[in-house]
Protein backbone atom coordinates (compact mmCIF):
# COMPACT_ATOMS: atom_id res chain seq x y z
CA MET A 1 92.50 132.32 147.28
CA ALA A 2 96.17 131.84 148.18
CA LYS A 3 98.32 134.90 147.45
CA GLU A 4 101.73 135.20 145.80
CA ARG A 5 104.68 136.02 148.07
CA THR A 6 106.13 139.31 146.79
CA ASP A 7 109.45 138.79 148.62
CA LEU A 8 110.20 135.62 146.63
CA LYS A 9 110.77 134.87 142.96
CA ASN A 10 107.70 133.91 140.96
CA GLU A 11 108.83 130.30 140.67
CA ALA A 12 109.78 129.72 144.31
CA VAL A 13 108.42 126.35 145.34
CA LYS A 14 106.59 125.34 148.49
CA ILE A 15 106.86 121.69 149.60
CA ASP A 16 104.02 120.44 151.81
CA GLY A 17 103.29 123.97 153.02
CA SER A 18 106.78 125.50 153.38
CA TYR A 19 108.95 127.47 150.93
CA ILE A 20 112.50 126.16 150.75
CA GLU A 21 113.71 129.79 150.94
CA ASP A 22 112.15 129.94 154.43
CA LEU A 23 113.80 126.69 155.47
CA ILE A 24 117.35 127.23 154.15
CA PRO A 25 118.96 130.70 154.33
CA GLY A 26 120.84 131.40 151.10
CA TYR A 27 118.61 129.17 148.94
CA THR A 28 117.01 130.84 145.88
CA THR A 29 114.83 129.29 143.19
CA LEU A 30 116.12 130.53 139.81
CA LYS A 31 113.67 129.02 137.33
CA THR A 32 111.56 125.98 136.56
CA TYR A 33 110.86 123.90 133.46
CA GLY A 34 108.00 121.53 132.73
CA ARG A 35 105.05 123.38 134.27
CA GLU A 36 103.76 124.49 130.90
CA SER A 37 100.68 122.95 129.29
CA LEU A 38 100.93 119.25 128.61
CA THR A 39 101.29 117.88 125.12
CA LEU A 40 98.64 115.30 124.34
CA GLU A 41 99.98 111.96 123.15
CA CYS A 42 97.91 110.58 120.29
CA GLU A 43 98.22 107.04 118.92
CA THR A 44 96.81 106.61 115.40
CA TYR A 45 96.60 104.04 112.63
CA ALA A 46 95.98 104.14 108.88
CA VAL A 47 93.03 102.40 107.21
CA GLY A 48 93.89 101.08 103.77
CA ASN A 49 94.37 103.91 101.28
CA SER A 50 92.03 106.28 103.13
CA ASP A 51 93.25 109.81 103.67
CA GLY A 52 94.51 110.70 107.12
CA GLU A 53 94.52 108.36 110.07
CA ARG A 54 92.17 107.03 112.71
CA VAL A 55 92.70 107.83 116.37
CA LYS A 56 93.32 104.74 118.49
CA LYS A 57 93.82 106.46 121.84
CA VAL A 58 94.91 109.72 123.40
CA ARG A 59 96.51 110.32 126.77
CA TYR A 60 98.41 112.83 128.82
CA PRO A 61 101.80 111.41 129.83
CA ALA A 62 103.49 111.81 133.19
CA ARG A 63 105.42 115.05 133.54
CA THR A 64 108.75 115.98 135.07
CA ILE A 65 109.23 119.46 136.53
CA THR A 66 112.81 120.67 136.85
CA VAL A 67 113.72 123.26 139.50
CA GLU A 68 117.00 125.17 139.12
CA PHE A 69 118.37 126.76 142.29
CA LEU A 70 121.25 128.78 143.66
CA LEU A 71 122.63 128.10 147.13
CA THR A 72 125.10 130.42 148.87
CA ALA A 73 127.12 129.89 152.06
CA GLY A 74 130.01 131.48 153.93
CA ASP A 75 132.33 128.47 153.78
CA ILE A 76 132.57 124.83 152.69
CA SER A 77 131.27 123.51 156.01
CA GLN A 78 128.16 125.70 155.86
CA MET A 79 127.60 124.73 152.22
CA ARG A 80 127.76 121.03 153.05
CA GLU A 81 125.31 121.54 155.92
CA LYS A 82 122.88 123.41 153.65
CA LEU A 83 123.14 120.79 150.91
CA ASN A 84 122.43 118.08 153.47
CA HIS A 85 119.43 120.09 154.66
CA LEU A 86 118.15 120.38 151.09
CA ALA A 87 118.65 116.66 150.51
CA ASN A 88 116.70 115.96 153.69
CA ILE A 89 113.83 118.22 152.58
CA LEU A 90 113.70 116.42 149.21
CA SER A 91 114.01 112.96 150.77
CA ARG A 92 110.34 112.04 150.85
CA ASP A 93 108.12 109.55 149.13
CA GLU A 94 105.64 112.04 147.71
CA ALA A 95 104.65 115.61 148.41
CA ASP A 96 102.50 118.50 147.23
CA PHE A 97 104.37 121.26 145.37
CA VAL A 98 103.02 124.82 145.11
CA PHE A 99 104.77 127.45 142.96
CA ASN A 100 104.66 131.08 144.04
CA ASP A 101 103.14 132.39 140.80
CA GLU A 102 100.33 129.82 141.07
CA ALA A 103 99.81 129.81 144.82
CA ASP A 104 96.26 128.46 144.49
CA LYS A 105 97.30 125.22 142.73
CA PHE A 106 99.58 122.27 143.49
CA PHE A 107 101.28 119.34 141.78
CA ALA A 108 101.71 115.96 143.49
CA GLY A 109 104.99 114.20 142.82
CA ILE A 110 108.25 112.66 143.94
CA PRO A 111 111.32 114.94 144.31
CA ILE A 112 114.59 113.65 142.84
CA MET A 113 117.91 115.47 143.36
CA GLU A 114 120.21 115.59 140.31
CA GLU A 115 123.70 114.21 140.79
CA SER A 116 125.92 117.05 139.53
CA PHE A 117 126.22 120.74 140.49
CA GLU A 118 128.09 123.76 139.19
CA LYS A 119 130.24 125.11 142.00
CA GLY A 120 132.05 128.33 142.73
CA ARG A 121 133.51 130.11 145.70
CA GLY A 122 130.64 130.31 148.20
CA TRP A 123 127.92 129.16 145.78
CA VAL A 124 126.38 126.09 144.19
CA ASN A 125 124.08 126.03 141.15
CA GLY A 126 122.05 122.84 140.91
CA LYS A 127 118.80 121.23 139.84
CA TRP A 128 116.22 118.88 141.28
CA GLN A 129 113.16 117.36 139.69
CA VAL A 130 109.59 116.53 140.57
CA TYR A 131 108.34 113.37 138.87
CA CYS A 132 104.54 113.69 138.55
CA ALA A 133 103.02 110.31 137.67
CA ASP A 134 99.72 112.21 137.82
CA PRO A 135 100.54 115.08 135.43
CA PHE A 136 97.72 117.44 136.37
CA LYS A 137 97.69 120.31 138.83
CA TYR A 138 95.00 120.70 141.45
CA SER A 139 93.40 123.57 143.28
CA THR A 140 94.72 123.93 146.81
CA ALA A 141 91.13 124.63 147.83
CA VAL A 142 88.90 121.62 148.42
CA TYR A 143 85.37 122.59 147.42
CA THR A 144 82.30 121.18 149.17
CA ALA A 145 78.98 121.02 147.38
CA VAL A 146 75.70 120.44 149.21
CA PRO A 147 72.30 119.76 147.61
CA VAL A 148 70.36 122.71 146.20
CA SER A 149 67.13 120.83 146.86
CA VAL A 150 66.24 117.87 149.09
CA GLY A 151 63.13 115.69 148.99
CA ASP A 152 62.01 112.80 151.19
CA SER A 153 64.21 110.29 149.35
CA SER A 154 66.16 112.29 146.78
CA ALA A 155 68.36 115.37 146.41
CA GLU A 156 69.78 117.50 143.61
CA PHE A 157 73.24 119.07 143.28
CA ALA A 158 74.22 121.84 140.84
CA ILE A 159 78.01 122.21 140.77
CA ASN A 160 79.67 124.96 138.75
CA TYR A 161 83.03 123.39 137.96
CA ASN A 162 85.79 125.74 136.78
CA GLY A 163 88.66 123.33 136.17
CA THR A 164 90.05 122.71 132.68
CA TYR A 165 90.20 118.93 133.13
CA PRO A 166 87.57 116.62 134.68
CA SER A 167 87.76 115.99 138.44
CA LYS A 168 87.01 112.74 140.25
CA PRO A 169 84.99 113.74 143.34
CA LEU A 170 84.61 112.27 146.82
CA LEU A 171 80.96 111.34 147.49
CA VAL A 172 79.90 111.42 151.15
CA ALA A 173 76.73 110.28 152.92
CA GLU A 174 76.28 110.67 156.68
CA PHE A 175 73.47 108.68 158.26
CA ALA A 176 71.64 110.34 161.12
CA GLY A 177 71.52 109.46 164.78
CA ALA A 178 75.19 109.19 165.75
CA SER A 179 76.59 109.61 169.23
CA GLU A 180 80.36 109.23 169.62
CA GLY A 181 81.37 106.03 171.35
CA GLY A 182 77.80 105.07 172.18
CA ASP A 183 75.16 102.55 171.14
CA TYR A 184 72.99 103.98 168.37
CA SER A 185 69.30 103.68 167.61
CA GLU A 186 67.96 102.57 164.23
CA ASP A 187 66.55 105.98 163.29
CA GLY A 188 69.24 106.73 160.73
CA ASP A 189 69.26 103.29 159.09
CA CYS A 190 69.22 103.24 155.29
CA GLY A 191 69.51 100.50 152.68
CA TYR A 192 71.43 102.36 150.00
CA VAL A 193 72.38 105.71 148.53
CA ALA A 194 73.24 106.42 144.91
CA PHE A 195 74.67 109.39 143.00
CA ILE A 196 73.78 109.86 139.28
CA ASP A 197 75.40 112.42 136.97
CA ASP A 198 74.16 114.12 133.76
CA GLU A 199 75.36 111.22 131.62
CA GLU A 200 73.54 108.69 133.85
CA ASN A 201 76.79 107.36 135.27
CA ILE A 202 76.01 105.99 138.71
CA ILE A 203 77.83 105.29 141.95
CA GLN A 204 75.64 103.05 144.10
CA LEU A 205 76.52 102.29 147.72
CA GLY A 206 74.62 99.64 149.66
CA ASN A 207 71.64 97.56 148.51
CA PRO A 208 68.47 99.08 146.98
CA ASP A 209 66.58 95.87 147.85
CA ALA A 210 67.15 96.38 151.58
CA ILE A 211 63.81 96.32 153.36
CA ASP A 212 62.09 98.79 155.63
CA ILE A 213 63.30 97.58 159.00
CA GLU A 214 60.30 98.95 160.92
CA GLU A 215 57.85 97.30 158.52
CA PHE A 216 59.28 93.87 159.37
CA ASP A 217 59.78 94.56 163.05
CA PHE A 218 63.55 94.71 162.65
CA ALA A 219 64.33 94.53 166.34
CA ASN A 220 67.15 97.12 166.14
CA GLN A 221 70.80 97.04 166.96
CA LEU A 222 71.58 95.49 170.30
CA ILE A 223 75.19 96.71 170.22
CA ASN A 224 76.82 99.38 168.07
CA ARG A 225 80.07 100.50 169.67
CA GLN A 226 83.21 102.20 168.45
CA PHE A 227 85.69 101.70 171.28
CA THR A 228 86.43 105.26 172.29
CA SER A 229 85.56 103.93 175.75
CA LEU A 230 84.80 100.58 177.43
CA ASP A 231 81.70 101.83 179.26
CA GLY A 232 79.11 99.08 179.69
CA TRP A 233 81.50 96.24 178.83
CA GLN A 234 82.62 93.53 181.29
CA GLN A 235 86.22 92.36 181.87
CA SER A 236 85.54 89.44 184.19
CA GLY A 237 83.26 86.43 184.08
CA GLY A 238 81.90 85.21 180.76
CA LYS A 239 83.40 82.26 178.88
CA VAL A 240 86.50 81.70 176.77
CA TYR A 241 86.80 78.99 174.12
CA GLY A 242 89.27 76.30 175.13
CA ASN A 243 89.05 77.38 178.80
CA LYS A 244 91.95 79.81 178.50
CA ALA A 245 92.63 81.73 181.70
CA VAL A 246 91.20 85.25 182.05
CA THR A 247 93.98 87.60 183.15
CA GLY A 248 95.10 91.15 182.53
CA SER A 249 92.85 93.98 181.36
CA MET A 250 91.65 95.99 178.39
CA SER A 251 92.16 99.69 177.70
CA VAL A 252 91.51 102.15 174.88
CA ALA A 253 94.52 103.37 172.89
CA SER A 254 95.17 104.81 169.45
CA ILE A 255 96.73 102.80 166.63
CA SER A 256 98.24 104.66 163.68
CA ASP A 257 98.68 103.53 160.10
CA ALA A 258 100.62 105.98 157.91
CA ASN A 259 99.66 104.22 154.67
CA TRP A 260 95.95 103.96 155.39
CA LYS A 261 93.63 105.14 152.62
CA LYS A 262 96.43 105.14 150.05
CA GLY A 263 98.82 107.27 152.04
CA LYS A 264 96.37 109.66 153.68
CA GLY A 265 96.97 107.95 157.03
CA GLN A 266 94.82 107.51 160.11
CA SER A 267 95.08 107.25 163.89
CA ILE A 268 92.04 105.76 165.58
CA LYS A 269 91.10 104.20 168.90
CA PHE A 270 91.02 100.47 169.61
CA ALA A 271 90.33 98.28 172.63
CA LYS A 272 93.79 96.75 173.26
CA PRO A 273 94.85 93.99 175.67
CA SER A 274 97.30 93.96 178.55
CA TYR A 275 97.76 90.21 178.97
CA GLY A 276 98.77 89.83 182.60
CA SER A 277 100.68 86.64 183.39
CA ALA A 278 100.11 82.88 183.68
CA SER A 279 101.95 79.65 182.92
CA LYS A 280 99.58 78.71 180.07
CA TRP A 281 97.26 80.37 177.54
CA HIS A 282 95.76 83.47 179.11
CA GLY A 283 94.65 87.03 178.49
CA PRO A 284 91.84 89.56 179.01
CA ILE A 285 88.18 89.17 178.12
CA LEU A 286 85.75 91.85 176.96
CA TRP A 287 82.06 91.00 176.78
CA LYS A 288 78.59 92.52 176.90
CA ALA A 289 75.16 90.98 177.63
CA THR A 290 72.21 91.78 175.31
CA GLU A 291 68.48 91.17 175.20
CA GLY A 292 69.13 88.06 173.10
CA ALA A 293 68.72 87.23 169.41
CA ILE A 294 67.77 84.07 167.56
CA ASN A 295 68.82 85.53 164.22
CA PHE A 296 71.66 88.01 164.22
CA GLU A 297 74.67 89.51 162.52
CA LEU A 298 77.86 90.15 164.50
CA SER A 299 80.34 92.37 162.62
CA VAL A 300 83.74 93.50 163.87
CA VAL A 301 86.52 95.84 162.74
CA HIS A 302 89.85 94.65 164.13
CA ARG A 303 93.62 94.44 163.57
CA LEU A 304 95.69 91.29 163.98
CA CYS A 305 99.30 90.83 162.87
CA VAL A 306 102.91 90.06 163.82
CA ASP A 307 106.13 91.90 163.10
CA LYS A 308 108.39 89.05 164.26
CA VAL A 309 108.00 85.38 163.34
CA SER A 310 108.42 84.36 167.00
CA GLN A 311 105.20 86.09 168.11
CA ILE A 312 102.17 83.92 168.88
CA GLY A 313 98.67 84.55 170.20
CA THR A 314 94.93 84.15 169.73
CA PHE A 315 91.84 86.25 169.07
CA GLU A 316 88.28 85.11 169.78
CA CYS A 317 85.07 86.77 168.61
CA SER A 318 81.89 84.95 169.62
CA ALA A 319 78.19 85.06 170.39
CA TYR A 320 77.25 82.93 173.42
CA ASN A 321 74.04 81.37 174.69
CA VAL A 322 73.74 81.67 178.48
CA SER A 323 71.59 79.46 180.68
CA GLY A 324 72.29 80.05 184.35
CA SER A 325 76.01 79.45 184.73
CA THR A 326 76.25 77.43 181.50
CA TYR A 327 77.75 79.11 178.41
CA LYS A 328 77.57 77.69 174.92
CA MET A 329 79.16 79.35 171.89
CA ILE A 330 76.35 79.62 169.33
CA ALA A 331 78.76 80.92 166.68
CA GLY A 332 82.25 82.34 166.70
CA ILE A 333 85.73 82.38 165.26
CA VAL A 334 89.08 81.82 166.92
CA ILE A 335 92.18 82.99 165.06
CA GLU A 336 95.31 81.44 166.51
CA LYS A 337 99.02 81.51 165.80
CA THR A 338 100.82 78.84 167.80
CA ALA A 339 104.16 78.46 166.01
CA SER A 340 106.98 80.45 164.45
CA GLY A 341 106.20 82.07 161.10
CA THR A 342 103.70 84.54 159.72
CA SER A 343 100.65 82.34 159.22
CA GLY A 344 97.90 81.25 161.57
CA LYS A 345 94.68 79.27 161.56
CA VAL A 346 91.01 80.27 161.72
CA LYS A 347 88.65 77.97 163.58
CA TYR A 348 84.98 78.35 162.64
CA ILE A 349 82.80 77.32 165.57
CA VAL A 350 79.08 76.49 165.72
CA GLY A 351 77.44 75.08 168.83
CA ASP A 352 80.79 74.83 170.65
CA LYS A 353 82.16 72.59 167.84
CA VAL A 354 84.85 73.45 165.29
CA ILE A 355 83.09 72.90 161.97
CA ALA A 356 85.91 74.08 159.67
CA THR A 357 89.41 75.55 159.66
CA ALA A 358 91.39 77.72 157.25
CA ASN A 359 94.93 79.03 157.07
CA ILE A 360 95.35 82.81 157.26
CA ASP A 361 98.21 85.24 156.67
CA LEU A 362 99.08 87.19 159.84
CA SER A 363 102.21 88.99 158.59
CA TYR A 364 102.59 92.69 159.39
CA TYR A 365 101.21 93.77 156.01
CA ASN A 366 98.60 91.04 155.70
CA THR A 367 95.55 92.28 153.81
CA ASN A 368 93.11 90.63 156.21
CA PHE A 369 93.80 92.56 159.42
CA GLY A 370 97.32 93.96 159.08
CA TYR A 371 98.79 97.37 158.31
CA CYS A 372 98.55 98.90 154.84
CA ASN A 373 101.62 98.34 152.71
CA LYS A 374 103.39 100.81 150.46
CA THR A 375 105.78 99.67 147.75
CA ALA A 376 107.76 101.75 145.29
CA VAL A 377 107.14 101.55 141.55
CA TYR A 378 110.30 102.11 139.50
CA LYS A 379 111.01 103.30 135.97
CA THR A 380 114.21 103.34 133.92
CA GLN A 381 115.89 106.62 132.94
CA TYR A 382 118.76 107.09 130.48
CA TYR A 383 121.54 109.66 130.54
CA ASN A 384 121.73 112.01 127.55
CA LYS A 385 125.38 113.08 127.31
CA ASP A 386 124.64 115.88 124.84
CA LYS A 387 122.00 117.50 127.01
CA LYS A 388 123.71 116.39 130.24
CA LYS A 389 120.46 115.20 131.75
CA TRP A 390 118.55 112.04 132.57
CA GLN A 391 115.49 111.31 130.41
CA ASP A 392 112.87 108.61 129.91
CA LYS A 393 113.64 108.03 126.22
CA LYS A 394 116.13 105.24 125.60
CA ILE A 395 119.48 106.18 124.09
CA LYS A 396 121.97 103.69 122.66
CA LYS A 397 125.04 102.98 124.80
CA SER A 398 123.87 105.32 127.54
CA LYS A 399 123.95 104.88 131.29
CA ALA A 400 120.69 103.73 132.83
CA ARG A 401 119.28 104.07 136.31
CA GLN A 402 116.17 103.07 138.19
CA VAL A 403 114.18 105.87 139.82
CA VAL A 404 110.98 105.79 141.82
CA SER A 405 108.04 106.77 139.62
CA GLY A 406 105.27 106.30 142.14
CA TYR A 407 103.90 104.11 144.90
CA ARG A 408 101.43 101.28 145.13
CA TYR A 409 99.33 100.92 148.28
CA THR A 410 97.79 97.67 149.48
CA GLN A 411 94.79 98.27 151.73
CA SER A 412 93.72 95.96 154.56
CA ASN A 413 90.21 94.61 155.00
CA LEU A 414 89.91 94.63 158.85
CA ASN A 415 86.37 93.15 158.75
CA THR A 416 84.92 89.97 160.20
CA SER A 417 81.22 89.05 160.25
CA ILE A 418 79.22 86.14 161.68
CA ARG A 419 75.57 85.75 160.69
CA LYS A 420 72.84 83.37 161.87
CA ASP A 421 69.53 83.02 160.06
CA GLY A 422 67.56 80.12 161.53
CA SER A 423 69.74 77.05 161.06
CA VAL A 424 72.17 78.70 158.61
CA PHE A 425 75.46 80.20 159.80
CA THR A 426 77.60 82.38 157.51
CA PHE A 427 81.17 83.45 158.29
CA LYS A 428 83.27 86.06 156.48
CA VAL A 429 86.77 86.55 157.95
CA GLY A 430 88.95 89.21 156.35
CA ASN A 431 89.63 88.32 152.71
CA LEU A 432 89.08 84.59 153.19
CA ALA A 433 86.31 82.85 151.29
CA GLU A 434 82.87 82.91 152.90
CA LYS A 435 81.93 79.75 154.79
CA LYS A 436 78.40 78.46 155.43
CA TYR A 437 77.18 75.74 157.76
CA THR A 438 73.75 74.40 158.69
CA ASP A 439 72.76 73.03 162.09
CA ALA A 440 69.05 72.33 162.46
CA GLU A 441 69.37 71.79 166.24
CA LEU A 442 70.36 75.46 166.67
CA THR A 443 67.51 76.94 164.61
CA ASN A 444 65.93 78.59 167.65
CA ALA A 445 69.05 78.95 169.79
CA VAL A 446 69.38 82.40 171.36
CA ALA A 447 72.63 84.38 171.54
CA HIS A 448 72.72 86.39 174.78
CA ASN A 449 76.13 88.06 174.74
CA VAL A 450 79.01 89.09 172.54
CA SER A 451 82.51 88.23 173.73
CA PHE A 452 86.14 88.85 172.77
CA HIS A 453 89.25 87.22 174.18
CA PHE A 454 92.88 88.10 173.47
CA GLY A 455 95.38 85.32 174.15
CA GLN A 456 99.07 84.96 175.00
CA ASN A 457 100.90 81.70 175.76
CA ALA A 458 102.82 81.91 179.07
CA SER A 459 105.58 84.51 178.63
CA LYS A 460 106.14 83.91 174.93
CA PRO A 461 106.15 87.03 172.68
CA ALA A 462 102.61 88.25 172.06
CA LEU A 463 101.20 89.35 168.71
CA HIS A 464 102.36 92.79 167.60
CA THR A 465 98.76 94.04 167.20
CA ASN A 466 95.64 92.32 168.54
CA ALA A 467 92.86 94.87 168.99
CA VAL A 468 89.21 95.71 168.22
CA ASN A 469 88.02 99.03 166.86
CA ARG A 470 84.29 98.52 166.43
CA VAL A 471 81.57 95.92 167.02
CA ARG A 472 77.98 95.77 165.85
CA PHE A 473 75.46 93.13 166.94
CA THR A 474 72.10 93.27 165.14
CA ARG A 475 69.00 91.20 165.83
CA ASN A 476 67.32 90.22 162.54
CA PRO A 477 63.84 88.87 161.79
CA SER A 478 63.96 85.35 160.37
CA GLY A 479 64.11 85.20 156.58
CA LYS A 480 63.97 88.97 156.11
CA PHE A 481 67.62 89.98 156.18
CA TYR A 482 69.60 86.92 155.22
CA ASP A 483 70.43 88.03 151.67
CA ILE A 484 70.56 91.76 152.41
CA PRO A 485 73.96 92.42 154.02
CA ASN A 486 74.48 96.01 152.90
CA VAL A 487 72.44 98.20 155.22
CA PHE A 488 73.82 101.46 156.60
CA THR A 489 73.02 102.21 160.21
CA SER A 490 72.83 105.35 162.29
CA GLY A 491 76.23 106.92 162.84
CA ASP A 492 77.76 105.53 159.65
CA ILE A 493 79.57 107.85 157.27
CA VAL A 494 80.29 106.31 153.88
CA GLU A 495 82.85 107.87 151.55
CA ALA A 496 83.21 106.84 147.90
CA ASP A 497 86.38 108.16 146.27
CA CYS A 498 85.93 108.20 142.49
CA TYR A 499 89.67 108.90 142.02
CA ASP A 500 90.70 105.38 143.01
CA ALA A 501 87.33 103.57 143.22
CA THR A 502 87.49 102.95 146.96
CA VAL A 503 84.76 102.91 149.61
CA TYR A 504 85.32 103.64 153.30
CA ILE A 505 83.04 103.54 156.33
CA LYS A 506 83.69 105.60 159.45
CA ASN A 507 81.86 106.93 162.52
CA ALA A 508 80.60 110.47 162.99
CA ASN A 509 82.72 112.72 165.24
CA THR A 510 85.74 110.41 164.95
CA GLU A 511 88.69 109.83 162.64
CA ASP A 512 88.13 106.09 162.53
CA GLY A 513 87.32 104.22 159.38
CA HIS A 514 87.74 100.99 157.51
CA PHE A 515 88.03 99.89 153.92
CA ALA A 516 84.60 98.59 152.85
CA PRO A 517 84.61 97.47 149.19
CA GLN A 518 81.52 95.33 149.81
CA TYR A 519 79.37 98.47 149.87
CA GLY A 520 80.18 99.41 146.26
CA ALA A 521 77.99 97.98 143.49
CA LEU A 522 79.80 95.90 140.86
CA GLY A 523 78.45 98.04 138.01
CA ASN A 524 79.56 101.39 139.40
CA SER A 525 80.80 103.92 136.81
CA TRP A 526 84.05 104.74 138.63
CA GLU A 527 85.94 105.66 135.44
CA ASP A 528 83.22 107.89 133.99
CA PHE A 529 81.78 109.59 137.08
CA LYS A 530 83.55 112.97 137.01
CA LEU A 531 82.88 116.68 137.12
CA GLN A 532 83.12 118.41 133.73
CA LYS A 533 83.73 122.11 133.04
CA GLY A 534 80.53 124.11 133.53
CA ILE A 535 77.36 123.19 135.40
CA ASN A 536 77.12 119.59 136.61
CA ASN A 537 73.68 118.40 137.68
CA ILE A 538 73.98 115.40 139.99
CA SER A 539 71.06 113.56 141.55
CA ALA A 540 71.12 111.45 144.68
CA VAL A 541 68.56 108.92 145.86
CA TRP A 542 68.25 106.66 148.90
CA SER A 543 65.86 104.09 150.41
CA ASP A 544 62.32 105.46 150.22
CA TRP A 545 61.43 103.92 153.59
CA VAL A 546 63.82 106.20 155.52
CA ASN A 547 61.96 108.53 157.89
CA PRO A 548 62.25 112.05 156.33
CA GLU A 549 63.29 113.39 159.75
CA TYR A 550 66.39 111.17 159.55
CA LYS A 551 67.32 111.51 155.89
CA PRO A 552 71.06 111.14 155.16
CA GLN A 553 73.21 114.25 154.89
CA LEU A 554 74.97 114.29 151.51
CA LYS A 555 77.89 116.27 150.14
CA ILE A 556 80.37 116.15 147.27
CA LEU A 557 84.00 117.19 147.80
CA TYR A 558 86.39 117.95 144.96
CA ASN A 559 89.51 119.78 143.82
CA GLU A 560 89.50 121.64 140.54
CA VAL A 561 91.93 120.04 138.07
CA PHE A 562 94.00 121.88 135.45
CA ILE A 563 96.17 120.82 132.51
């Protein structure tokens, strides 16, 4: 448990791990207001002449914490420097705030400096506020619960929760058999996993109808690669749609996104192009031969966007049939941007023919393959002349101002999948609508390799980001997997965050991950699945065909929440 600092006042405040007193000599926290217990807002209504009232709804409102401080300095110049330093410390979108007399708990909020100070010779007395859209305080400790008992296809948790307000946990399942950056076996494959609480609220991830892959001779994953390296992949030869020139090379590099996972951020590795040079369309190729598959699913995690309207480029993801020196694209997509602007076009290709096209947003914050966006949410405050303070309640003929009350994050999809089952081809590109196409002549056509190409036109500005993080190529038995897309495979880690109803997939031993809403069941009890004070008994189940030696590893992470 975090301990109180005896050399500081009880109400000294720590911002993202540092006390301001340690950052600015001469700064002292005097007192705080607004950390006391919240007052419950209750909306009621009367029913006829009945006594009393009926409760319509209750809620805890947002809270504002006010911090009063004293700042001393030797002269005006030093004072200005220290005030600038304080303003810089408080100039952040959101932060965690820990108070010295509750060193084991934190509030999350937005700091706002008040406009006026009391000043004297060598001192300033001022105030700043923390606007907490989420009014609760959280334990600084993140608790991890593991099952108290585990069977062949089920597990039981018993969590003694000590918070005074329910907590929304993070549910985690890790599927066995991972090896960083390598191609995985099918040993850890699983159709679904579900968590059920005492009240029978359920969070289901995956598909309980997924079949036992060994029973139907599911011929395993031919490729499962997170690009921490390019080992085993070719950068010459192969085929490129439209006969674009193969130039340049591929390398592995990290790409960061500060707003990923609603502000938690990430930095993960991608295969990125160096385009080389040519007088026409050109760029590097990355491909890998496989044993071949008549029925398959090719899924990719990638980023594709511009940050200037002048940038152009192409991205190809395809499965090719190879006969001697002849290459034929069995199925693939080409995303191209050939003109100024922020939009591009998707070409859906079957049997080397474009069977459909669709427009696609390729702006920097596009939700298909771009970076996650963060936008401020504002509220109006009014100045109370009598109390000399800004407040949320409206006052007649008072000054008004707009202040940031929180932030909204827009997550990106990053996923593309191409599936062949006999004569039926199914494409899902980012957030675009699914497209299906039937070609009876290709019913028994075999895909022998997976290929990517990254294109630039002459010396024109290339796309800001055009890179691949992960690829999976799975050979499927005909008719057995077509309507069962949600199967977890070895090396997957799925995280379901009940706080904001989001699902992420990542690889073991890495910090990669991608937003994967398709794995969450439509009927999930996101609002009601929470830890209550006392003992919480939570069950977990998964596909009963999973080999007990490769059962998923489950855990539940949570902060304790207090009013």
